[in-house]
Structure formats: C-alpha cells, structure tokens
Amino acid sequence: MRLYVGPMDAVLVEFDEQRRVRFDREDWSVPTLQERRAILYAAQNEIAELTELIQLLENQEIGDRR
C-alpha cells in the first residue's frame, strides 16, 4: 500500500494489527493523534477519488456497449 498523507508530506506504506504504521524510509511507530487524523483524512479523500474513478469507468463501459 502507498498512501500519500499530504499534511505530513509522507507516504504510508504499511500498518499492522498493533496499530503501528510505517512511512516510507522510516521505522515502525505508533502514530500520534495528529498523525492518525492526517492518515484518516488522506484515506477518506483517496476513497472518494477512487469511488469517483470507478463510477466514471463503469459508466464509460456501459456507454461503450451502446
């Protein structure tokens, strides 16, 4: 996984079940409250953008069949 977290100018590359995260070129750590909020914000925005992309591609596929 690669999630760009804009407010931190960092890329999240892994997370685990102990709620630790690893950013690109950094060691594992437990994110602070601010980091958690920044990660959630970035993830929610990414989900919204991917949902929009999926809808556009699905609609294009339906249009191509006509």
C-alpha atoms as a PDB file:
ATOM      1  CA  MET A   1       0.000   0.000   0.000  1.00  0.00           C
ATOM      2  CA  ARG A   2       1.109   3.541  -0.676  1.00  0.00           C
ATOM      3  CA  LEU A   3      -0.977   6.382   0.716  1.00  0.00           C
ATOM      4  CA  TYR A   4       0.289   9.928   0.400  1.00  0.00           C
ATOM      5  CA  VAL A   5      -0.538  11.847   3.580  1.00  0.00           C
ATOM      6  CA  GLY A   6      -0.383  15.465   2.441  1.00  0.00           C
ATOM      7  CA  PRO A   7      -0.450  17.237   5.814  1.00  0.00           C
ATOM      8  CA  MET A   8       2.594  15.193   6.831  1.00  0.00           C
ATOM      9  CA  ASP A   9       4.234  15.166   3.389  1.00  0.00           C
ATOM     10  CA  ALA A  10       4.801  11.453   3.928  1.00  0.00           C
ATOM     11  CA  VAL A  11       3.838   8.170   2.295  1.00  0.00           C
ATOM     12  CA  LEU A  12       2.277   5.470   4.437  1.00  0.00           C
ATOM     13  CA  VAL A  13       3.492   2.080   3.220  1.00  0.00           C
ATOM     14  CA  GLU A  14       2.389  -0.392   5.912  1.00  0.00           C
ATOM     15  CA  PHE A  15       0.273  -0.804   9.019  1.00  0.00           C
ATOM     16  CA  ASP A  16      -0.258  -3.671  11.410  1.00  0.00           C
ATOM     17  CA  GLU A  17      -2.777  -5.010  13.914  1.00  0.00           C
ATOM     18  CA  GLN A  18      -0.922  -3.372  16.809  1.00  0.00           C
ATOM     19  CA  ARG A  19      -1.953  -0.005  15.285  1.00  0.00           C
ATOM     20  CA  ARG A  20       1.577   0.764  14.226  1.00  0.00           C
ATOM     21  CA  VAL A  21       2.354   2.414  10.919  1.00  0.00           C
ATOM     22  CA  ARG A  22       5.420   2.610   8.747  1.00  0.00           C
ATOM     23  CA  PHE A  23       6.094   5.544   6.498  1.00  0.00           C
ATOM     24  CA  ASP A  24       8.411   5.346   3.509  1.00  0.00           C
ATOM     25  CA  ARG A  25      12.041   5.226   4.668  1.00  0.00           C
ATOM     26  CA  GLU A  26      11.061   5.271   8.358  1.00  0.00           C
ATOM     27  CA  ASP A  27      10.740   2.695  11.136  1.00  0.00           C
ATOM     28  CA  TRP A  28       7.525   1.363  12.628  1.00  0.00           C
ATOM     29  CA  SER A  29       5.806   3.716  15.085  1.00  0.00           C
ATOM     30  CA  VAL A  30       2.503   4.290  16.834  1.00  0.00           C
ATOM     31  CA  PRO A  31       1.003   7.393  15.237  1.00  0.00           C
ATOM     32  CA  THR A  32       0.202  10.419  17.360  1.00  0.00           C
ATOM     33  CA  LEU A  33      -3.335  11.790  17.461  1.00  0.00           C
ATOM     34  CA  GLN A  34      -2.422  14.368  14.794  1.00  0.00           C
ATOM     35  CA  GLU A  35      -0.846  11.696  12.598  1.00  0.00           C
ATOM     36  CA  ARG A  36      -3.908   9.456  12.961  1.00  0.00           C
ATOM     37  CA  ARG A  37      -6.163  12.319  11.938  1.00  0.00           C
ATOM     38  CA  ALA A  38      -3.951  13.127   8.945  1.00  0.00           C
ATOM     39  CA  ILE A  39      -3.919   9.462   7.862  1.00  0.00           C
ATOM     40  CA  LEU A  40      -7.720   9.196   8.201  1.00  0.00           C
ATOM     41  CA  TYR A  41      -8.207  12.414   6.231  1.00  0.00           C
ATOM     42  CA  ALA A  42      -5.906  11.211   3.433  1.00  0.00           C
ATOM     43  CA  ALA A  43      -7.517   7.759   3.340  1.00  0.00           C
ATOM     44  CA  GLN A  44     -11.054   9.172   3.183  1.00  0.00           C
ATOM     45  CA  ASN A  45     -10.057  11.511   0.344  1.00  0.00           C
ATOM     46  CA  GLU A  46      -8.421   8.644  -1.519  1.00  0.00           C
ATOM     47  CA  ILE A  47     -11.551   6.506  -1.125  1.00  0.00           C
ATOM     48  CA  ALA A  48     -13.686   9.335  -2.531  1.00  0.00           C
ATOM     49  CA  GLU A  49     -11.373   9.793  -5.523  1.00  0.00           C
ATOM     50  CA  LEU A  50     -11.218   6.052  -6.218  1.00  0.00           C
ATOM     51  CA  THR A  51     -15.006   5.774  -5.943  1.00  0.00           C
ATOM     52  CA  GLU A  52     -15.364   8.564  -8.495  1.00  0.00           C
ATOM     53  CA  LEU A  53     -12.885   6.828 -10.810  1.00  0.00           C
ATOM     54  CA  ILE A  54     -14.750   3.527 -10.532  1.00  0.00           C
ATOM     55  CA  GLN A  55     -18.053   5.202 -11.325  1.00  0.00           C
ATOM     56  CA  LEU A  56     -16.600   7.012 -14.339  1.00  0.00           C
ATOM     57  CA  LEU A  57     -15.039   3.834 -15.706  1.00  0.00           C
ATOM     58  CA  GLU A  58     -18.180   1.784 -15.123  1.00  0.00           C
ATOM     59  CA  ASN A  59     -20.314   4.425 -16.829  1.00  0.00           C
ATOM     60  CA  GLN A  60     -17.874   4.554 -19.730  1.00  0.00           C
ATOM     61  CA  GLU A  61     -18.090   0.779 -20.057  1.00  0.00           C
ATOM     62  CA  ILE A  62     -21.895   0.945 -20.182  1.00  0.00           C
ATOM     63  CA  GLY A  63     -21.714   3.728 -22.770  1.00  0.00           C
ATOM     64  CA  ASP A  64     -19.292   1.714 -24.912  1.00  0.00           C
ATOM     65  CA  ARG A  65     -21.810  -1.162 -25.107  1.00  0.00           C
ATOM     66  CA  ARG A  66     -24.463   1.029 -26.696  1.00  0.00           C
END
